Amino acid sequence: MKLARSENGSLQEKAQAGYYVGKLIMQQVKTLQSMGLLPEKAMQIESEVHHHQEEETSVEELKEELARLEKIVAAKENPDPEILKLIEKAKQHIALVEAKNIIGELKTKIDKDQGNPDVSGQ
């Protein structure tokens, strides 16, 4: 091992020393395997990965859920101002999603009318 790493030996001596070190390690591994101290076969790990993705909620379902939550908040005498802000924010986001959907439909129809298959807008 020293010869393989030393600067004094020639390239051939270093290569041969490296070969013998590898051969020696392999013999030691085989001996340890035959004694039962090392497994003869590499350990295998088998597993299954499941990714549960929720179904995408439609705009109509979002609107229904928001309306239900608004009724609950409206039933209270003094609703929390933060909750009211969140409801308004949710309404804005739903409106944005609706606008994106409508614009996508519009692009598709315009491109079909013009015979242009590119609907990406790029």
PDB file of N, CA and C in Angstrom:
ATOM      1  N   MET A   1       0.828  -1.176   0.000  1.00  0.00           N
ATOM      2  CA  MET A   1       0.000   0.000   0.000  1.00  0.00           C
ATOM      3  C   MET A   1       0.879   1.247   0.000  1.00  0.00           C
ATOM      4  N   LYS A   2       1.963   1.198   0.776  1.00  0.00           N
ATOM      5  CA  LYS A   2       2.857   2.354   0.817  1.00  0.00           C
ATOM      6  C   LYS A   2       3.471   2.603  -0.549  1.00  0.00           C
ATOM      7  N   LEU A   3       3.854   1.524  -1.230  1.00  0.00           N
ATOM      8  CA  LEU A   3       4.479   1.668  -2.536  1.00  0.00           C
ATOM      9  C   LEU A   3       3.497   2.267  -3.543  1.00  0.00           C
ATOM     10  N   ALA A   4       2.234   1.879  -3.452  1.00  0.00           N
ATOM     11  CA  ALA A   4       1.234   2.388  -4.389  1.00  0.00           C
ATOM     12  C   ALA A   4       1.028   3.891  -4.226  1.00  0.00           C
ATOM     13  N   ARG A   5       1.261   4.390  -3.015  1.00  0.00           N
ATOM     14  CA  ARG A   5       1.021   5.815  -2.765  1.00  0.00           C
ATOM     15  C   ARG A   5       2.301   6.642  -2.700  1.00  0.00           C
ATOM     16  N   SER A   6       3.454   5.969  -2.724  1.00  0.00           N
ATOM     17  CA  SER A   6       4.706   6.717  -2.590  1.00  0.00           C
ATOM     18  C   SER A   6       5.098   7.393  -3.906  1.00  0.00           C
ATOM     19  N   GLU A   7       5.962   8.354  -3.788  1.00  0.00           N
ATOM     20  CA  GLU A   7       6.442   9.068  -4.968  1.00  0.00           C
ATOM     21  C   GLU A   7       7.702   8.419  -5.541  1.00  0.00           C
ATOM     22  N   ASN A   8       8.312   7.496  -4.807  1.00  0.00           N
ATOM     23  CA  ASN A   8       9.582   6.897  -5.217  1.00  0.00           C
ATOM     24  C   ASN A   8       9.427   5.820  -6.281  1.00  0.00           C
ATOM     25  N   GLY A   9       8.333   5.091  -6.293  1.00  0.00           N
ATOM     26  CA  GLY A   9       8.188   3.968  -7.216  1.00  0.00           C
ATOM     27  C   GLY A   9       7.824   4.422  -8.619  1.00  0.00           C
ATOM     28  N   SER A  10       8.084   3.520  -9.569  1.00  0.00           N
ATOM     29  CA  SER A  10       7.716   3.823 -10.950  1.00  0.00           C
ATOM     30  C   SER A  10       6.213   3.623 -11.132  1.00  0.00           C
ATOM     31  N   LEU A  11       5.717   4.050 -12.263  1.00  0.00           N
ATOM     32  CA  LEU A  11       4.290   3.943 -12.547  1.00  0.00           C
ATOM     33  C   LEU A  11       3.853   2.485 -12.575  1.00  0.00           C
ATOM     34  N   GLN A  12       4.686   1.623 -13.140  1.00  0.00           N
ATOM     35  CA  GLN A  12       4.360   0.201 -13.222  1.00  0.00           C
ATOM     36  C   GLN A  12       4.299  -0.414 -11.825  1.00  0.00           C
ATOM     37  N   GLU A  13       5.246  -0.053 -10.957  1.00  0.00           N
ATOM     38  CA  GLU A  13       5.251  -0.591  -9.602  1.00  0.00           C
ATOM     39  C   GLU A  13       4.021  -0.123  -8.829  1.00  0.00           C
ATOM     40  N   LYS A  14       3.653   1.147  -9.018  1.00  0.00           N
ATOM     41  CA  LYS A  14       2.477   1.668  -8.340  1.00  0.00           C
ATOM     42  C   LYS A  14       1.209   0.941  -8.801  1.00  0.00           C
ATOM     43  N   ALA A  15       1.087   0.718 -10.096  1.00  0.00           N
ATOM     44  CA  ALA A  15      -0.080   0.033 -10.644  1.00  0.00           C
ATOM     45  C   ALA A  15      -0.158  -1.394 -10.131  1.00  0.00           C
ATOM     46  N   GLN A  16       0.986  -2.083 -10.113  1.00  0.00           N
ATOM     47  CA  GLN A  16       1.008  -3.463  -9.649  1.00  0.00           C
ATOM     48  C   GLN A  16       0.691  -3.521  -8.153  1.00  0.00           C
ATOM     49  N   ALA A  17       1.210  -2.590  -7.377  1.00  0.00           N
ATOM     50  CA  ALA A  17       0.927  -2.556  -5.947  1.00  0.00           C
ATOM     51  C   ALA A  17      -0.564  -2.309  -5.716  1.00  0.00           C
ATOM     52  N   GLY A  18      -1.168  -1.409  -6.495  1.00  0.00           N
ATOM     53  CA  GLY A  18      -2.597  -1.151  -6.387  1.00  0.00           C
ATOM     54  C   GLY A  18      -3.415  -2.380  -6.721  1.00  0.00           C
ATOM     55  N   TYR A  19      -2.981  -3.119  -7.719  1.00  0.00           N
ATOM     56  CA  TYR A  19      -3.667  -4.356  -8.117  1.00  0.00           C
ATOM     57  C   TYR A  19      -3.640  -5.369  -6.976  1.00  0.00           C
ATOM     58  N   TYR A  20      -2.476  -5.532  -6.354  1.00  0.00           N
ATOM     59  CA  TYR A  20      -2.341  -6.507  -5.275  1.00  0.00           C
ATOM     60  C   TYR A  20      -3.121  -6.087  -4.035  1.00  0.00           C
ATOM     61  N   VAL A  21      -3.203  -4.785  -3.785  1.00  0.00           N
ATOM     62  CA  VAL A  21      -4.011  -4.314  -2.659  1.00  0.00           C
ATOM     63  C   VAL A  21      -5.478  -4.676  -2.900  1.00  0.00           C
ATOM     64  N   GLY A  22      -5.961  -4.440  -4.101  1.00  0.00           N
ATOM     65  CA  GLY A  22      -7.340  -4.797  -4.436  1.00  0.00           C
ATOM     66  C   GLY A  22      -7.578  -6.286  -4.317  1.00  0.00           C
ATOM     67  N   LYS A  23      -6.627  -7.071  -4.774  1.00  0.00           N
ATOM     68  CA  LYS A  23      -6.745  -8.525  -4.709  1.00  0.00           C
ATOM     69  C   LYS A  23      -6.768  -8.997  -3.259  1.00  0.00           C
ATOM     70  N   LEU A  24      -5.929  -8.382  -2.423  1.00  0.00           N
ATOM     71  CA  LEU A  24      -5.875  -8.731  -1.011  1.00  0.00           C
ATOM     72  C   LEU A  24      -7.190  -8.399  -0.314  1.00  0.00           C
ATOM     73  N   ILE A  25      -7.751  -7.248  -0.618  1.00  0.00           N
ATOM     74  CA  ILE A  25      -9.027  -6.854  -0.011  1.00  0.00           C
ATOM     75  C   ILE A  25     -10.131  -7.821  -0.413  1.00  0.00           C
ATOM     76  N   MET A  26     -10.139  -8.212  -1.687  1.00  0.00           N
ATOM     77  CA  MET A  26     -11.150  -9.175  -2.151  1.00  0.00           C
ATOM     78  C   MET A  26     -11.004 -10.511  -1.430  1.00  0.00           C
ATOM     79  N   GLN A  27      -9.771 -10.970  -1.219  1.00  0.00           N
ATOM     80  CA  GLN A  27      -9.551 -12.231  -0.498  1.00  0.00           C
ATOM     81  C   GLN A  27     -10.032 -12.109   0.950  1.00  0.00           C
ATOM     82  N   GLN A  28      -9.772 -10.969   1.577  1.00  0.00           N
ATOM     83  CA  GLN A  28     -10.226 -10.779   2.955  1.00  0.00           C
ATOM     84  C   GLN A  28     -11.746 -10.767   3.037  1.00  0.00           C
ATOM     85  N   VAL A  29     -12.396 -10.127   2.075  1.00  0.00           N
ATOM     86  CA  VAL A  29     -13.861 -10.094   2.053  1.00  0.00           C
ATOM     87  C   VAL A  29     -14.412 -11.502   1.894  1.00  0.00           C
ATOM     88  N   LYS A  30     -13.833 -12.289   0.988  1.00  0.00           N
ATOM     89  CA  LYS A  30     -14.305 -13.667   0.777  1.00  0.00           C
ATOM     90  C   LYS A  30     -14.116 -14.503   2.029  1.00  0.00           C
ATOM     91  N   THR A  31     -12.999 -14.306   2.732  1.00  0.00           N
ATOM     92  CA  THR A  31     -12.747 -15.046   3.968  1.00  0.00           C
ATOM     93  C   THR A  31     -13.781 -14.672   5.022  1.00  0.00           C
ATOM     94  N   LEU A  32     -14.030 -13.384   5.182  1.00  0.00           N
ATOM     95  CA  LEU A  32     -15.024 -12.943   6.164  1.00  0.00           C
ATOM     96  C   LEU A  32     -16.426 -13.427   5.795  1.00  0.00           C
ATOM     97  N   GLN A  33     -16.736 -13.484   4.507  1.00  0.00           N
ATOM     98  CA  GLN A  33     -18.030 -13.998   4.079  1.00  0.00           C
ATOM     99  C   GLN A  33     -18.155 -15.487   4.382  1.00  0.00           C
ATOM    100  N   SER A  34     -17.067 -16.237   4.155  1.00  0.00           N
ATOM    101  CA  SER A  34     -17.120 -17.676   4.414  1.00  0.00           C
ATOM    102  C   SER A  34     -17.255 -17.962   5.911  1.00  0.00           C
ATOM    103  N   MET A  35     -16.773 -17.038   6.756  1.00  0.00           N
ATOM    104  CA  MET A  35     -16.903 -17.201   8.203  1.00  0.00           C
ATOM    105  C   MET A  35     -18.261 -16.716   8.701  1.00  0.00           C
ATOM    106  N   GLY A  36     -19.023 -16.071   7.842  1.00  0.00           N
ATOM    107  CA  GLY A  36     -20.342 -15.600   8.201  1.00  0.00           C
ATOM    108  C   GLY A  36     -20.334 -14.229   8.849  1.00  0.00           C
ATOM    109  N   LEU A  37     -19.200 -13.554   8.808  1.00  0.00           N
ATOM    110  CA  LEU A  37     -19.106 -12.227   9.414  1.00  0.00           C
ATOM    111  C   LEU A  37     -19.558 -11.119   8.466  1.00  0.00           C
ATOM    112  N   LEU A  38     -19.554 -11.391   7.170  1.00  0.00           N
ATOM    113  CA  LEU A  38     -20.041 -10.448   6.163  1.00  0.00           C
ATOM    114  C   LEU A  38     -21.079 -11.155   5.311  1.00  0.00           C
ATOM    115  N   PRO A  39     -22.141 -10.445   4.939  1.00  0.00           N
ATOM    116  CA  PRO A  39     -23.137 -11.098   4.072  1.00  0.00           C
ATOM    117  C   PRO A  39     -22.549 -11.356   2.687  1.00  0.00           C
ATOM    118  N   GLU A  40     -22.988 -12.450   2.086  1.00  0.00           N
ATOM    119  CA  GLU A  40     -22.482 -12.796   0.754  1.00  0.00           C
ATOM    120  C   GLU A  40     -23.167 -11.986  -0.333  1.00  0.00           C
ATOM    121  N   LYS A  41     -24.304 -11.493  -0.027  1.00  0.00           N
ATOM    122  CA  LYS A  41     -25.072 -10.740  -1.005  1.00  0.00           C
ATOM    123  C   LYS A  41     -25.377  -9.371  -0.415  1.00  0.00           C
ATOM    124  N   ALA A  42     -25.350  -8.374  -1.237  1.00  0.00           N
ATOM    125  CA  ALA A  42     -25.643  -7.023  -0.766  1.00  0.00           C
ATOM    126  C   ALA A  42     -27.078  -6.951  -0.260  1.00  0.00           C
ATOM    127  N   MET A  43     -27.295  -6.154   0.751  1.00  0.00           N
ATOM    128  CA  MET A  43     -28.617  -6.001   1.316  1.00  0.00           C
ATOM    129  C   MET A  43     -29.508  -5.268   0.319  1.00  0.00           C
ATOM    130  N   GLN A  44     -30.697  -5.802   0.127  1.00  0.00           N
ATOM    131  CA  GLN A  44     -31.646  -5.167  -0.775  1.00  0.00           C
ATOM    132  C   GLN A  44     -32.786  -4.570   0.040  1.00  0.00           C
ATOM    133  N   ILE A  45     -33.141  -3.375  -0.318  1.00  0.00           N
ATOM    134  CA  ILE A  45     -34.254  -2.717   0.348  1.00  0.00           C
ATOM    135  C   ILE A  45     -35.328  -2.490  -0.704  1.00  0.00           C
ATOM    136  N   GLU A  46     -36.486  -3.036  -0.442  1.00  0.00           N
ATOM    137  CA  GLU A  46     -37.596  -2.873  -1.361  1.00  0.00           C
ATOM    138  C   GLU A  46     -38.677  -2.064  -0.654  1.00  0.00           C
ATOM    139  N   SER A  47     -39.216  -1.126  -1.363  1.00  0.00           N
ATOM    140  CA  SER A  47     -40.293  -0.339  -0.783  1.00  0.00           C
ATOM    141  C   SER A  47     -41.194   0.177  -1.887  1.00  0.00           C
ATOM    142  N   GLU A  48     -42.363   0.547  -1.486  1.00  0.00           N
ATOM    143  CA  GLU A  48     -43.305   1.146  -2.417  1.00  0.00           C
ATOM    144  C   GLU A  48     -43.613   2.551  -1.914  1.00  0.00           C
ATOM    145  N   VAL A  49     -43.556   3.495  -2.807  1.00  0.00           N
ATOM    146  CA  VAL A  49     -43.830   4.875  -2.444  1.00  0.00           C
ATOM    147  C   VAL A  49     -45.176   5.252  -3.028  1.00  0.00           C
ATOM    148  N   HIS A  50     -46.037   5.692  -2.159  1.00  0.00           N
ATOM    149  CA  HIS A  50     -47.366   6.120  -2.598  1.00  0.00           C
ATOM    150  C   HIS A  50     -47.495   7.606  -2.349  1.00  0.00           C
ATOM    151  N   HIS A  51     -47.925   8.297  -3.356  1.00  0.00           N
ATOM    152  CA  HIS A  51     -48.147   9.740  -3.222  1.00  0.00           C
ATOM    153  C   HIS A  51     -49.626   9.977  -3.420  1.00  0.00           C
ATOM    154  N   HIS A  52     -50.271  10.343  -2.352  1.00  0.00           N
ATOM    155  CA  HIS A  52     -51.705  10.593  -2.438  1.00  0.00           C
ATOM    156  C   HIS A  52     -51.925  12.071  -2.718  1.00  0.00           C
ATOM    157  N   GLN A  53     -52.391  12.334  -3.891  1.00  0.00           N
ATOM    158  CA  GLN A  53     -52.622  13.716  -4.282  1.00  0.00           C
ATOM    159  C   GLN A  53     -54.126  13.964  -4.258  1.00  0.00           C
ATOM    160  N   GLU A  54     -54.486  15.030  -3.596  1.00  0.00           N
ATOM    161  CA  GLU A  54     -55.908  15.354  -3.534  1.00  0.00           C
ATOM    162  C   GLU A  54     -56.406  15.762  -4.912  1.00  0.00           C
ATOM    163  N   GLU A  55     -57.662  15.426  -5.148  1.00  0.00           N
ATOM    164  CA  GLU A  55     -58.253  15.833  -6.417  1.00  0.00           C
ATOM    165  C   GLU A  55     -58.362  17.350  -6.452  1.00  0.00           C
ATOM    166  N   GLU A  56     -58.174  17.904  -7.625  1.00  0.00           N
ATOM    167  CA  GLU A  56     -58.234  19.352  -7.760  1.00  0.00           C
ATOM    168  C   GLU A  56     -59.676  19.817  -7.574  1.00  0.00           C
ATOM    169  N   THR A  57     -59.816  20.831  -6.764  1.00  0.00           N
ATOM    170  CA  THR A  57     -61.137  21.369  -6.468  1.00  0.00           C
ATOM    171  C   THR A  57     -61.553  22.325  -7.575  1.00  0.00           C
ATOM    172  N   SER A  58     -62.793  22.190  -8.013  1.00  0.00           N
ATOM    173  CA  SER A  58     -63.283  23.071  -9.077  1.00  0.00           C
ATOM    174  C   SER A  58     -63.634  24.435  -8.497  1.00  0.00           C
ATOM    175  N   VAL A  59     -63.767  25.410  -9.376  1.00  0.00           N
ATOM    176  CA  VAL A  59     -64.108  26.766  -8.967  1.00  0.00           C
ATOM    177  C   VAL A  59     -65.481  26.772  -8.296  1.00  0.00           C
ATOM    178  N   GLU A  60     -66.398  25.985  -8.828  1.00  0.00           N
ATOM    179  CA  GLU A  60     -67.754  25.938  -8.253  1.00  0.00           C
ATOM    180  C   GLU A  60     -67.715  25.381  -6.833  1.00  0.00           C
ATOM    181  N   GLU A  61     -66.901  24.345  -6.609  1.00  0.00           N
ATOM    182  CA  GLU A  61     -66.787  23.787  -5.261  1.00  0.00           C
ATOM    183  C   GLU A  61     -66.173  24.801  -4.298  1.00  0.00           C
ATOM    184  N   LEU A  62     -65.199  25.558  -4.790  1.00  0.00           N
ATOM    185  CA  LEU A  62     -64.595  26.602  -3.959  1.00  0.00           C
ATOM    186  C   LEU A  62     -65.627  27.662  -3.589  1.00  0.00           C
ATOM    187  N   LYS A  63     -66.436  28.050  -4.572  1.00  0.00           N
ATOM    188  CA  LYS A  63     -67.466  29.053  -4.310  1.00  0.00           C
ATOM    189  C   LYS A  63     -68.469  28.546  -3.262  1.00  0.00           C
ATOM    190  N   GLU A  64     -68.878  27.274  -3.388  1.00  0.00           N
ATOM    191  CA  GLU A  64     -69.832  26.699  -2.440  1.00  0.00           C
ATOM    192  C   GLU A  64     -69.253  26.660  -1.029  1.00  0.00           C
ATOM    193  N   GLU A  65     -68.001  26.257  -0.922  1.00  0.00           N
ATOM    194  CA  GLU A  65     -67.348  26.188   0.383  1.00  0.00           C
ATOM    195  C   GLU A  65     -67.208  27.576   0.994  1.00  0.00           C
ATOM    196  N   LEU A  66     -66.851  28.551   0.179  1.00  0.00           N
ATOM    197  CA  LEU A  66     -66.723  29.921   0.675  1.00  0.00           C
ATOM    198  C   LEU A  66     -68.080  30.469   1.118  1.00  0.00           C
ATOM    199  N   ALA A  67     -69.132  30.160   0.373  1.00  0.00           N
ATOM    200  CA  ALA A  67     -70.479  30.610   0.753  1.00  0.00           C
ATOM    201  C   ALA A  67     -70.892  29.991   2.087  1.00  0.00           C
ATOM    202  N   ARG A  68     -70.563  28.722   2.270  1.00  0.00           N
ATOM    203  CA  ARG A  68     -70.886  28.044   3.536  1.00  0.00           C
ATOM    204  C   ARG A  68     -70.159  28.721   4.704  1.00  0.00           C
ATOM    205  N   LEU A  69     -68.860  29.024   4.483  1.00  0.00           N
ATOM    206  CA  LEU A  69     -68.074  29.671   5.531  1.00  0.00           C
ATOM    207  C   LEU A  69     -68.575  31.090   5.810  1.00  0.00           C
ATOM    208  N   GLU A  70     -69.001  31.782   4.750  1.00  0.00           N
ATOM    209  CA  GLU A  70     -69.545  33.139   4.928  1.00  0.00           C
ATOM    210  C   GLU A  70     -70.816  33.109   5.786  1.00  0.00           C
ATOM    211  N   LYS A  71     -71.667  32.099   5.582  1.00  0.00           N
ATOM    212  CA  LYS A  71     -72.884  31.976   6.384  1.00  0.00           C
ATOM    213  C   LYS A  71     -72.543  31.770   7.858  1.00  0.00           C
ATOM    214  N   ILE A  72     -71.525  30.957   8.113  1.00  0.00           N
ATOM    215  CA  ILE A  72     -71.111  30.698   9.495  1.00  0.00           C
ATOM    216  C   ILE A  72     -70.624  31.991  10.147  1.00  0.00           C
ATOM    217  N   VAL A  73     -69.809  32.749   9.418  1.00  0.00           N
ATOM    218  CA  VAL A  73     -69.268  34.007   9.951  1.00  0.00           C
ATOM    219  C   VAL A  73     -70.374  35.040  10.118  1.00  0.00           C
ATOM    220  N   ALA A  74     -71.311  35.090   9.147  1.00  0.00           N
ATOM    221  CA  ALA A  74     -72.398  36.064   9.217  1.00  0.00           C
ATOM    222  C   ALA A  74     -73.321  35.800  10.406  1.00  0.00           C
ATOM    223  N   ALA A  75     -73.390  34.555  10.869  1.00  0.00           N
ATOM    224  CA  ALA A  75     -74.246  34.208  11.998  1.00  0.00           C
ATOM    225  C   ALA A  75     -73.692  34.763  13.311  1.00  0.00           C
ATOM    226  N   LYS A  76     -72.423  35.093  13.343  1.00  0.00           N
ATOM    227  CA  LYS A  76     -71.823  35.644  14.562  1.00  0.00           C
ATOM    228  C   LYS A  76     -72.160  37.130  14.664  1.00  0.00           C
ATOM    229  N   GLU A  77     -72.262  37.607  15.903  1.00  0.00           N
ATOM    230  CA  GLU A  77     -72.591  39.023  16.106  1.00  0.00           C
ATOM    231  C   GLU A  77     -71.431  39.933  15.736  1.00  0.00           C
ATOM    232  N   ASN A  78     -70.247  39.621  16.208  1.00  0.00           N
ATOM    233  CA  ASN A  78     -69.059  40.439  15.926  1.00  0.00           C
ATOM    234  C   ASN A  78     -67.988  39.568  15.272  1.00  0.00           C
ATOM    235  N   PRO A  79     -68.048  39.403  13.963  1.00  0.00           N
ATOM    236  CA  PRO A  79     -67.039  38.553  13.310  1.00  0.00           C
ATOM    237  C   PRO A  79     -65.653  39.181  13.386  1.00  0.00           C
ATOM    238  N   ASP A  80     -64.677  38.327  13.461  1.00  0.00           N
ATOM    239  CA  ASP A  80     -63.274  38.764  13.529  1.00  0.00           C
ATOM    240  C   ASP A  80     -62.907  39.471  12.224  1.00  0.00           C
ATOM    241  N   PRO A  81     -62.315  40.662  12.284  1.00  0.00           N
ATOM    242  CA  PRO A  81     -61.933  41.383  11.067  1.00  0.00           C
ATOM    243  C   PRO A  81     -60.934  40.616  10.201  1.00  0.00           C
ATOM    244  N   GLU A  82     -60.088  39.823  10.834  1.00  0.00           N
ATOM    245  CA  GLU A  82     -59.119  39.029  10.059  1.00  0.00           C
ATOM    246  C   GLU A  82     -59.835  37.979   9.215  1.00  0.00           C
ATOM    247  N   ILE A  83     -60.879  37.408   9.784  1.00  0.00           N
ATOM    248  CA  ILE A  83     -61.652  36.409   9.033  1.00  0.00           C
ATOM    249  C   ILE A  83     -62.331  37.072   7.842  1.00  0.00           C
ATOM    250  N   LEU A  84     -62.865  38.262   8.054  1.00  0.00           N
ATOM    251  CA  LEU A  84     -63.507  38.988   6.951  1.00  0.00           C
ATOM    252  C   LEU A  84     -62.501  39.323   5.853  1.00  0.00           C
ATOM    253  N   LYS A  85     -61.282  39.686   6.242  1.00  0.00           N
ATOM    254  CA  LYS A  85     -60.228  39.959   5.252  1.00  0.00           C
ATOM    255  C   LYS A  85     -59.886  38.696   4.466  1.00  0.00           C
ATOM    256  N   LEU A  86     -59.795  37.575   5.184  1.00  0.00           N
ATOM    257  CA  LEU A  86     -59.488  36.305   4.501  1.00  0.00           C
ATOM    258  C   LEU A  86     -60.590  35.913   3.525  1.00  0.00           C
ATOM    259  N   ILE A  87     -61.825  36.154   3.893  1.00  0.00           N
ATOM    260  CA  ILE A  87     -62.946  35.854   2.989  1.00  0.00           C
ATOM    261  C   ILE A  87     -62.841  36.699   1.731  1.00  0.00           C
ATOM    262  N   GLU A  88     -62.544  37.982   1.884  1.00  0.00           N
ATOM    263  CA  GLU A  88     -62.389  38.861   0.717  1.00  0.00           C
ATOM    264  C   GLU A  88     -61.212  38.413  -0.147  1.00  0.00           C
ATOM    265  N   LYS A  89     -60.140  38.012   0.498  1.00  0.00           N
ATOM    266  CA  LYS A  89     -58.965  37.534  -0.241  1.00  0.00           C
ATOM    267  C   LYS A  89     -59.307  36.263  -1.029  1.00  0.00           C
ATOM    268  N   ALA A  90     -60.074  35.370  -0.400  1.00  0.00           N
ATOM    269  CA  ALA A  90     -60.482  34.139  -1.076  1.00  0.00           C
ATOM    270  C   ALA A  90     -61.365  34.460  -2.287  1.00  0.00           C
ATOM    271  N   LYS A  91     -62.257  35.430  -2.123  1.00  0.00           N
ATOM    272  CA  LYS A  91     -63.113  35.838  -3.253  1.00  0.00           C
ATOM    273  C   LYS A  91     -62.262  36.364  -4.412  1.00  0.00           C
ATOM    274  N   GLN A  92     -61.246  37.145  -4.097  1.00  0.00           N
ATOM    275  CA  GLN A  92     -60.364  37.679  -5.137  1.00  0.00           C
ATOM    276  C   GLN A  92     -59.623  36.552  -5.854  1.00  0.00           C
ATOM    277  N   HIS A  93     -59.143  35.579  -5.096  1.00  0.00           N
ATOM    278  CA  HIS A  93     -58.409  34.477  -5.712  1.00  0.00           C
ATOM    279  C   HIS A  93     -59.323  33.615  -6.584  1.00  0.00           C
ATOM    280  N   ILE A  94     -60.528  33.406  -6.123  1.00  0.00           N
ATOM    281  CA  ILE A  94     -61.479  32.640  -6.937  1.00  0.00           C
ATOM    282  C   ILE A  94     -61.776  33.383  -8.233  1.00  0.00           C
ATOM    283  N   ALA A  95     -61.919  34.704  -8.140  1.00  0.00           N
ATOM    284  CA  ALA A  95     -62.167  35.508  -9.338  1.00  0.00           C
ATOM    285  C   ALA A  95     -60.988  35.413 -10.305  1.00  0.00           C
ATOM    286  N   LEU A  96     -59.771  35.400  -9.772  1.00  0.00           N
ATOM    287  CA  LEU A  96     -58.590  35.252 -10.637  1.00  0.00           C
ATOM    288  C   LEU A  96     -58.579  33.900 -11.347  1.00  0.00           C
ATOM    289  N   VAL A  97     -58.927  32.854 -10.618  1.00  0.00           N
ATOM    290  CA  VAL A  97     -58.964  31.523 -11.228  1.00  0.00           C
ATOM    291  C   VAL A  97     -60.017  31.472 -12.325  1.00  0.00           C
ATOM    292  N   GLU A  98     -61.181  32.058 -12.052  1.00  0.00           N
ATOM    293  CA  GLU A  98     -62.233  32.107 -13.071  1.00  0.00           C
ATOM    294  C   GLU A  98     -61.765  32.873 -14.298  1.00  0.00           C
ATOM    295  N   ALA A  99     -61.086  34.011 -14.075  1.00  0.00           N
ATOM    296  CA  ALA A  99     -60.592  34.809 -15.196  1.00  0.00           C
ATOM    297  C   ALA A  99     -59.572  34.018 -16.012  1.00  0.00           C
ATOM    298  N   LYS A 100     -58.682  33.300 -15.342  1.00  0.00           N
ATOM    299  CA  LYS A 100     -57.690  32.487 -16.069  1.00  0.00           C
ATOM    300  C   LYS A 100     -58.374  31.420 -16.912  1.00  0.00           C
ATOM    301  N   ASN A 101     -59.390  30.783 -16.335  1.00  0.00           N
ATOM    302  CA  ASN A 101     -60.125  29.754 -17.079  1.00  0.00           C
ATOM    303  C   ASN A 101     -60.815  30.340 -18.301  1.00  0.00           C
ATOM    304  N   ILE A 102     -61.439  31.487 -18.124  1.00  0.00           N
ATOM    305  CA  ILE A 102     -62.145  32.135 -19.240  1.00  0.00           C
ATOM    306  C   ILE A 102     -61.157  32.566 -20.318  1.00  0.00           C
ATOM    307  N   ILE A 103     -60.028  33.131 -19.911  1.00  0.00           N
ATOM    308  CA  ILE A 103     -59.010  33.539 -20.887  1.00  0.00           C
ATOM    309  C   ILE A 103     -58.469  32.333 -21.642  1.00  0.00           C
ATOM    310  N   GLY A 104     -58.286  31.217 -20.952  1.00  0.00           N
ATOM    311  CA  GLY A 104     -57.836  29.995 -21.623  1.00  0.00           C
ATOM    312  C   GLY A 104     -58.831  29.520 -22.664  1.00  0.00           C
ATOM    313  N   GLU A 105     -60.116  29.547 -22.315  1.00  0.00           N
ATOM    314  CA  GLU A 105     -61.164  29.178 -23.280  1.00  0.00           C
ATOM    315  C   GLU A 105     -61.163  30.134 -24.464  1.00  0.00           C
ATOM    316  N   LEU A 106     -61.025  31.413 -24.168  1.00  0.00           N
ATOM    317  CA  LEU A 106     -61.009  32.435 -25.212  1.00  0.00           C
ATOM    318  C   LEU A 106     -59.852  32.216 -26.181  1.00  0.00           C
ATOM    319  N   LYS A 107     -58.673  31.943 -25.654  1.00  0.00           N
ATOM    320  CA  LYS A 107     -57.501  31.677 -26.505  1.00  0.00           C
ATOM    321  C   LYS A 107     -57.753  30.477 -27.406  1.00  0.00           C
ATOM    322  N   THR A 108     -58.318  29.437 -26.816  1.00  0.00           N
ATOM    323  CA  THR A 108     -58.585  28.226 -27.585  1.00  0.00           C
ATOM    324  C   THR A 108     -59.553  28.508 -28.727  1.00  0.00           C
ATOM    325  N   LYS A 109     -60.627  29.230 -28.456  1.00  0.00           N
ATOM    326  CA  LYS A 109     -61.608  29.524 -29.499  1.00  0.00           C
ATOM    327  C   LYS A 109     -61.030  30.424 -30.581  1.00  0.00           C
ATOM    328  N   ILE A 110     -60.271  31.442 -30.178  1.00  0.00           N
ATOM    329  CA  ILE A 110     -59.671  32.350 -31.169  1.00  0.00           C
ATOM    330  C   ILE A 110     -58.682  31.593 -32.042  1.00  0.00           C
ATOM    331  N   ASP A 111     -57.857  30.762 -31.432  1.00  0.00           N
ATOM    332  CA  ASP A 111     -56.880  30.001 -32.212  1.00  0.00           C
ATOM    333  C   ASP A 111     -57.544  28.998 -33.139  1.00  0.00           C
ATOM    334  N   LYS A 112     -58.671  28.414 -32.704  1.00  0.00           N
ATOM    335  CA  LYS A 112     -59.396  27.496 -33.587  1.00  0.00           C
ATOM    336  C   LYS A 112     -59.971  28.251 -34.779  1.00  0.00           C
ATOM    337  N   ASP A 113     -60.506  29.439 -34.504  1.00  0.00           N
ATOM    338  CA  ASP A 113     -61.083  30.246 -35.581  1.00  0.00           C
ATOM    339  C   ASP A 113     -60.021  30.675 -36.591  1.00  0.00           C
ATOM    340  N   GLN A 114     -58.813  30.954 -36.100  1.00  0.00           N
ATOM    341  CA  GLN A 114     -57.743  31.399 -36.979  1.00  0.00           C
ATOM    342  C   GLN A 114     -56.940  30.231 -37.566  1.00  0.00           C
ATOM    343  N   GLY A 115     -57.217  29.027 -37.083  1.00  0.00           N
ATOM    344  CA  GLY A 115     -56.490  27.844 -37.581  1.00  0.00           C
ATOM    345  C   GLY A 115     -55.081  27.761 -37.010  1.00  0.00           C
ATOM    346  N   ASN A 116     -54.816  28.439 -35.912  1.00  0.00           N
ATOM    347  CA  ASN A 116     -53.505  28.426 -35.277  1.00  0.00           C
ATOM    348  C   ASN A 116     -53.538  27.437 -34.115  1.00  0.00           C
ATOM    349  N   PRO A 117     -52.748  26.349 -34.172  1.00  0.00           N
ATOM    350  CA  PRO A 117     -52.790  25.345 -33.115  1.00  0.00           C
ATOM    351  C   PRO A 117     -52.055  25.786 -31.843  1.00  0.00           C
ATOM    352  N   ASP A 118     -51.280  26.892 -31.874  1.00  0.00           N
ATOM    353  CA  ASP A 118     -50.495  27.318 -30.726  1.00  0.00           C
ATOM    354  C   ASP A 118     -51.381  28.140 -29.799  1.00  0.00           C
ATOM    355  N   VAL A 119     -51.716  27.592 -28.628  1.00  0.00           N
ATOM    356  CA  VAL A 119     -52.539  28.306 -27.667  1.00  0.00           C
ATOM    357  C   VAL A 119     -51.726  28.796 -26.475  1.00  0.00           C
ATOM    358  N   SER A 120     -50.428  28.613 -26.527  1.00  0.00           N
ATOM    359  CA  SER A 120     -49.595  28.966 -25.369  1.00  0.00           C
ATOM    360  C   SER A 120     -49.384  30.460 -25.258  1.00  0.00           C
ATOM    361  N   GLY A 121     -49.541  31.200 -26.324  1.00  0.00           N
ATOM    362  CA  GLY A 121     -49.362  32.646 -26.289  1.00  0.00           C
ATOM    363  C   GLY A 121     -47.927  33.073 -26.344  1.00  0.00           C
ATOM    364  N   GLN A 122     -47.009  32.174 -26.677  1.00  0.00           N
ATOM    365  CA  GLN A 122     -45.581  32.516 -26.720  1.00  0.00           C
ATOM    366  C   GLN A 122     -45.106  32.612 -28.141  1.00  0.00           C
TER     367      GLN A 122
END
